[in-house]
Protein backbone atom coordinates (compact mmCIF):
# COMPACT_ATOMS: atom_id res chain seq x y z
CA UNK A 1 -3.18 -18.12 3.51
CA UNK A 2 -3.88 -18.40 7.24
CA UNK A 3 -6.52 -15.62 7.32
CA UNK A 4 -7.93 -13.47 4.64
CA UNK A 5 -7.89 -9.77 5.56
CA UNK A 6 -9.06 -7.27 3.02
CA UNK A 7 -8.31 -3.55 2.53
CA UNK A 8 -8.59 -0.95 -0.19
CA UNK A 9 -6.77 2.24 -1.11
CA UNK A 10 -8.49 5.67 -1.21
CA UNK A 11 -6.67 6.22 -4.46
CA UNK A 12 -9.91 4.85 -5.89
CA UNK A 13 -12.07 7.46 -4.15
CA UNK A 14 -9.64 10.39 -3.82
CA UNK A 15 -12.38 13.00 -3.57
CA UNK A 16 -14.55 11.09 -1.01
CA UNK A 17 -15.33 12.32 2.45
CA UNK A 18 -14.78 10.07 5.52
CA UNK A 19 -18.54 9.12 5.69
CA UNK A 20 -18.46 8.17 2.03
CA UNK A 21 -15.38 6.02 2.58
CA UNK A 22 -17.07 4.44 5.53
CA UNK A 23 -20.13 3.70 3.39
CA UNK A 24 -17.90 1.64 1.03
CA UNK A 25 -16.81 -0.46 3.97
CA UNK A 26 -20.41 -0.87 5.05
CA UNK A 27 -21.64 -1.88 1.63
CA UNK A 28 -19.15 -4.76 1.41
CA UNK A 29 -20.21 -5.90 4.82
CA UNK A 30 -23.90 -5.70 3.87
CA UNK A 31 -23.35 -7.97 0.90
CA UNK A 32 -21.77 -10.65 3.11
CA UNK A 33 -18.51 -12.57 2.85
CA UNK A 34 -15.19 -11.21 4.03
CA UNK A 35 -15.49 -7.61 5.32
CA UNK A 36 -13.09 -4.75 4.69
CA UNK A 37 -11.03 -4.13 7.80
CA UNK A 38 -8.11 -2.09 6.44
CA UNK A 39 -7.72 1.17 4.46
CA UNK A 40 -4.67 2.58 2.68
CA UNK A 41 -5.08 6.27 3.29
CA UNK A 42 -3.77 8.30 0.37
CA UNK A 43 -1.73 11.22 1.68
CA UNK A 44 -0.72 13.99 -0.66
CA UNK A 45 -0.43 17.64 0.33
CA UNK A 46 -3.98 18.91 -0.04
CA UNK A 47 -6.42 16.27 -1.30
CA UNK A 48 -8.89 14.43 0.91
CA UNK A 49 -9.59 14.24 4.68
CA UNK A 50 -6.14 12.76 5.43
CA UNK A 51 -4.00 15.25 3.54
CA UNK A 52 -0.73 16.64 4.90
CA UNK A 53 -2.27 20.14 5.12
CA UNK A 54 -5.56 19.01 6.66
CA UNK A 55 -5.96 19.98 10.32
CA UNK A 56 -5.01 17.29 12.74
CA UNK A 57 -8.47 17.34 14.36
CA UNK A 58 -10.08 16.72 10.95
CA UNK A 59 -7.85 13.74 10.30
CA UNK A 60 -8.67 12.29 13.73
CA UNK A 61 -12.38 12.70 13.21
CA UNK A 62 -12.16 11.06 9.75
CA UNK A 63 -10.26 8.06 11.18
CA UNK A 64 -12.82 7.73 13.99
CA UNK A 65 -15.59 7.56 11.36
CA UNK A 66 -13.81 4.71 9.61
CA UNK A 67 -13.17 2.82 12.84
CA UNK A 68 -16.84 3.05 13.63
CA UNK A 69 -17.50 1.42 10.25
CA UNK A 70 -15.20 -1.50 11.14
CA UNK A 71 -11.79 -0.50 9.95
CA UNK A 72 -9.11 -1.93 12.19
CA UNK A 73 -5.88 -1.02 10.36
CA UNK A 74 -4.62 1.97 8.46
CA UNK A 75 -1.59 2.60 6.24
CA UNK A 76 -0.44 6.00 5.10
CA UNK A 77 0.14 5.88 1.31
CA UNK A 78 2.63 8.67 0.86
CA UNK A 79 4.49 9.87 -2.20
CA UNK A 80 7.87 10.38 -0.50
CA UNK A 81 10.76 9.20 -2.73
CA UNK A 82 13.68 8.24 -0.53
CA UNK A 83 16.18 7.81 -3.39
CA UNK A 84 15.52 11.21 -5.01
CA UNK A 85 18.96 12.83 -5.19
CA UNK A 86 17.46 16.23 -5.81
CA UNK A 87 16.05 16.34 -2.31
CA UNK A 88 18.26 16.92 0.72
CA UNK A 89 18.29 14.63 3.77
CA UNK A 90 16.73 17.52 5.73
CA UNK A 91 13.82 17.77 3.25
CA UNK A 92 13.28 14.04 3.36
CA UNK A 93 13.22 14.05 7.17
CA UNK A 94 10.83 16.99 7.29
CA UNK A 95 8.50 15.24 4.85
CA UNK A 96 8.59 12.07 6.96
CA UNK A 97 7.95 13.95 10.20
CA UNK A 98 4.79 15.43 8.60
CA UNK A 99 3.71 11.97 7.50
CA UNK A 100 4.33 10.59 10.99
CA UNK A 101 2.02 13.28 12.35
CA UNK A 102 -0.68 12.05 9.97
CA UNK A 103 0.02 8.50 11.04
CA UNK A 104 -0.35 9.47 14.68
CA UNK A 105 -3.58 11.25 14.03
CA UNK A 106 -4.99 8.36 12.11
CA UNK A 107 -3.58 5.60 14.22
CA UNK A 108 -1.75 4.08 11.24
CA UNK A 109 0.67 1.19 11.58
CA UNK A 110 2.90 2.11 8.71
CA UNK A 111 3.85 4.79 6.14
CA UNK A 112 4.39 3.66 2.49
CA UNK A 113 7.26 5.30 0.52
CA UNK A 114 8.81 4.86 -2.92
CA UNK A 115 12.44 4.70 -3.99
CA UNK A 116 11.92 7.13 -6.88
CA UNK A 117 15.50 7.19 -8.14
CA UNK A 118 16.05 8.72 -11.59
CA UNK A 119 18.36 5.83 -12.44
CA UNK A 120 18.38 2.44 -10.64
CA UNK A 121 21.65 0.99 -9.50
CA UNK A 122 24.19 0.88 -6.69
CA UNK A 123 24.09 4.61 -5.91
CA UNK A 124 20.28 4.60 -5.70
CA UNK A 125 20.29 1.51 -3.49
CA UNK A 126 22.85 3.12 -1.11
CA UNK A 127 20.93 6.38 -0.89
CA UNK A 128 17.61 4.59 -0.31
CA UNK A 129 19.00 2.29 2.33
CA UNK A 130 20.74 5.05 4.28
CA UNK A 131 17.68 7.25 4.27
CA UNK A 132 15.33 4.45 5.15
CA UNK A 133 17.44 3.61 8.21
CA UNK A 134 17.28 7.17 9.30
CA UNK A 135 13.47 7.44 8.70
CA UNK A 136 12.83 4.16 10.52
CA UNK A 137 14.73 5.49 13.56
CA UNK A 138 12.57 8.61 13.47
CA UNK A 139 9.42 6.49 13.24
CA UNK A 140 10.47 4.63 16.38
CA UNK A 141 11.40 7.64 18.53
CA UNK A 142 10.12 7.60 22.10
CA UNK A 143 7.02 9.72 22.72
CA UNK A 144 5.16 8.68 19.61
CA UNK A 145 3.39 5.42 18.59
CA UNK A 146 5.78 3.07 16.78
CA UNK A 147 5.26 3.11 13.03
CA UNK A 148 6.88 1.04 10.28
CA UNK A 149 8.23 2.37 7.02
CA UNK A 150 7.19 0.37 3.97
CA UNK A 151 9.12 0.40 0.64
CA UNK A 152 6.83 -0.39 -2.34
CA UNK A 153 7.70 -2.27 -5.48
CA UNK A 154 7.40 0.79 -7.72
CA UNK A 155 9.22 3.14 -10.15
CA UNK A 156 12.97 2.63 -10.03
CA UNK A 157 12.64 -0.50 -7.82
CA UNK A 158 9.68 -2.34 -9.34
CA UNK A 159 10.58 -5.95 -8.54
CA UNK A 160 10.68 -7.83 -5.24
CA UNK A 161 14.43 -8.38 -5.69
CA UNK A 162 14.97 -4.61 -5.97
CA UNK A 163 13.10 -3.79 -2.80
CA UNK A 164 14.69 -6.77 -0.95
CA UNK A 165 18.12 -5.59 -1.96
CA UNK A 166 17.55 -2.17 -0.31
CA UNK A 167 15.86 -3.56 2.80
CA UNK A 168 18.57 -6.10 3.38
CA UNK A 169 21.19 -3.35 3.10
CA UNK A 170 19.21 -1.02 5.41
CA UNK A 171 18.82 -3.78 8.01
CA UNK A 172 16.26 -2.18 10.33
CA UNK A 173 13.41 -3.98 12.15
CA UNK A 174 10.96 -1.09 11.46
CA UNK A 175 11.34 -1.46 7.70
CA UNK A 176 9.08 -3.62 5.59
CA UNK A 177 7.66 -4.01 2.04
CA UNK A 178 4.55 -3.43 -0.03
CA UNK A 179 4.09 -5.78 -2.97
CA UNK A 180 2.35 -4.04 -5.88
CA UNK A 181 1.54 -6.98 -8.04
CA UNK A 182 1.26 -4.98 -11.23
CA UNK A 183 4.82 -3.55 -11.06
CA UNK A 184 6.52 -6.82 -10.23
CA UNK A 185 4.76 -8.50 -13.13
CA UNK A 186 5.72 -5.67 -15.48
CA UNK A 187 9.28 -6.03 -14.17
CA UNK A 188 9.45 -9.60 -15.35
CA UNK A 189 9.25 -11.40 -12.00
CA UNK A 190 7.03 -14.39 -11.43
CA UNK A 191 4.80 -14.33 -8.34
CA UNK A 192 6.92 -17.10 -6.79
CA UNK A 193 10.10 -15.08 -7.28
CA UNK A 194 8.60 -11.96 -5.73
CA UNK A 195 7.15 -13.85 -2.77
CA UNK A 196 10.47 -15.48 -2.10
CA UNK A 197 12.35 -12.17 -2.36
CA UNK A 198 9.96 -10.26 -0.07
CA UNK A 199 9.17 -13.05 2.39
CA UNK A 200 11.16 -11.58 5.38
CA UNK A 201 9.55 -8.13 4.97
CA UNK A 202 6.07 -8.43 3.47
CA UNK A 203 3.45 -6.23 5.17
CA UNK A 204 0.89 -5.56 2.51
CA UNK A 205 -0.02 -6.83 -0.98
CA UNK A 206 -1.72 -4.43 -3.41
CA UNK A 207 -3.90 -6.26 -5.92
CA UNK A 208 -5.09 -4.90 -9.27
CA UNK A 209 -5.58 -6.04 -12.82
CA UNK A 210 -4.90 -4.66 -16.27
CA UNK A 211 -5.13 -5.74 -19.90
CA UNK A 212 -1.37 -5.74 -20.55
CA UNK A 213 1.95 -4.32 -19.36
CA UNK A 214 1.32 -1.37 -21.75
CA UNK A 215 -2.38 -0.82 -21.12
CA UNK A 216 -2.57 -0.09 -17.40
CA UNK A 217 -6.19 1.00 -17.17
CA UNK A 218 -7.75 -0.75 -14.20
CA UNK A 219 -9.88 -3.83 -14.91
CA UNK A 220 -11.97 -5.93 -12.50
CA UNK A 221 -9.92 -8.51 -10.72
CA UNK A 222 -9.50 -11.64 -12.94
CA UNK A 223 -10.49 -9.81 -16.17
CA UNK A 224 -6.91 -8.84 -17.20
CA UNK A 225 -3.45 -10.28 -17.60
CA UNK A 226 -1.90 -9.76 -14.16
CA UNK A 227 -1.22 -13.30 -12.75
CA UNK A 228 -3.42 -12.88 -9.68
CA UNK A 229 -4.04 -16.60 -9.20
CA UNK A 230 -0.30 -17.10 -9.19
CA UNK A 231 0.10 -14.31 -6.61
CA UNK A 232 -2.49 -15.84 -4.31
CA UNK A 233 -0.91 -19.27 -4.67
CA UNK A 234 2.56 -17.90 -3.87
CA UNK A 235 1.19 -16.12 -0.78
CA UNK A 236 -0.62 -19.30 0.38
CA UNK A 237 2.65 -21.29 0.08
CA UNK A 238 4.45 -18.52 1.97
CA UNK A 239 1.89 -18.61 4.82
CA UNK A 240 1.31 -14.91 4.38
CA UNK A 241 -1.14 -13.56 7.00
CA UNK A 242 -3.45 -12.12 4.49
CA UNK A 243 -3.58 -8.35 4.03
CA UNK A 244 -4.72 -7.85 0.45
CA UNK A 245 -5.58 -4.30 -0.66
CA UNK A 246 -7.43 -3.38 -3.83
CA UNK A 247 -5.67 -0.42 -5.40
CA UNK A 248 -8.27 0.81 -7.91
CA UNK A 249 -6.37 3.65 -9.66
CA UNK A 250 -9.34 5.91 -10.54
CA UNK A 251 -7.36 8.95 -9.49
CA UNK A 252 -5.11 8.37 -12.52
CA UNK A 253 -7.78 6.86 -14.80
CA UNK A 254 -10.96 8.91 -14.08
CA UNK A 255 -12.95 7.24 -16.88
CA UNK A 256 -13.09 3.89 -15.12
CA UNK A 257 -16.06 2.86 -12.91
CA UNK A 258 -16.27 4.39 -9.37
CA UNK A 259 -14.73 2.32 -6.60
CA UNK A 260 -18.21 1.73 -5.12
CA UNK A 261 -19.12 -0.26 -8.21
CA UNK A 262 -16.08 -2.60 -8.15
CA UNK A 263 -15.12 -3.05 -4.51
CA UNK A 264 -17.85 -5.55 -3.52
CA UNK A 265 -17.18 -7.74 -6.51
CA UNK A 266 -13.41 -7.51 -5.97
CA UNK A 267 -13.82 -8.65 -2.36
CA UNK A 268 -16.02 -11.51 -3.47
CA UNK A 269 -13.53 -12.51 -6.19
CA UNK A 270 -10.66 -12.61 -3.72
CA UNK A 271 -12.65 -14.66 -1.19
CA UNK A 272 -13.66 -17.19 -3.88
CA UNK A 273 -10.16 -17.57 -5.27
CA UNK A 274 -8.54 -17.96 -1.85
CA UNK A 275 -11.10 -20.61 -0.89
CA UNK A 276 -10.33 -22.47 -4.17
CA UNK A 277 -6.62 -22.38 -3.40
CA UNK A 278 -7.11 -23.60 0.19
């Protein structure tokens, strides 16, 4: 891996204020090693300082606080499902326009979306590809900062080959991929297979660990069954430029430890493993 660049998702601290999120960044830096320079900003309708319904001025202030702490790159982690047949094209566009406003306020480089089809297959692929092309065009319109649209390995399209199939069909330079290592593993792909499938489009890799494909409660990196060493090795062979983001899913599993207790050790674990591979 040419350069290790670390990030985390605010899914692990969904109720935190911007100063509290900045404190997480500062704590990792204080402990030494690789610092956190990226944040995946969870963006639902009402929750947190970067919510869709938060005032733009509030989002801009929150982003400024994180930049002051050393954050250089932001992603908008949305819940837009582009292959949902129950939503009209107009509804999908309106949702994306709202997300692009958040991205502009925050200075984010990309917006993450899901496929979210009720049934995977040709029809879902076609709908996702068509809508992604349209949304990517909207994200590149003159008068607003250019922003990429990222399709994540998730729900109806959990494997790298599923996402690659859609992105190849959509064929747009503003489209890219997020590799969620849990879902590709659960989908039966090896890290090498996922890396090969997503190589032309890979923008971000979400790292996490769990005990099994059925028990998805978050575990410290290296303590579970997700093949993280294989993932890091595949990325190294790919020459991937290194954005690794810890997605600690405390929002969905509130009984697990707070992100503040696991982020420093996760960063240290990633640094050590990448050095071993190098």
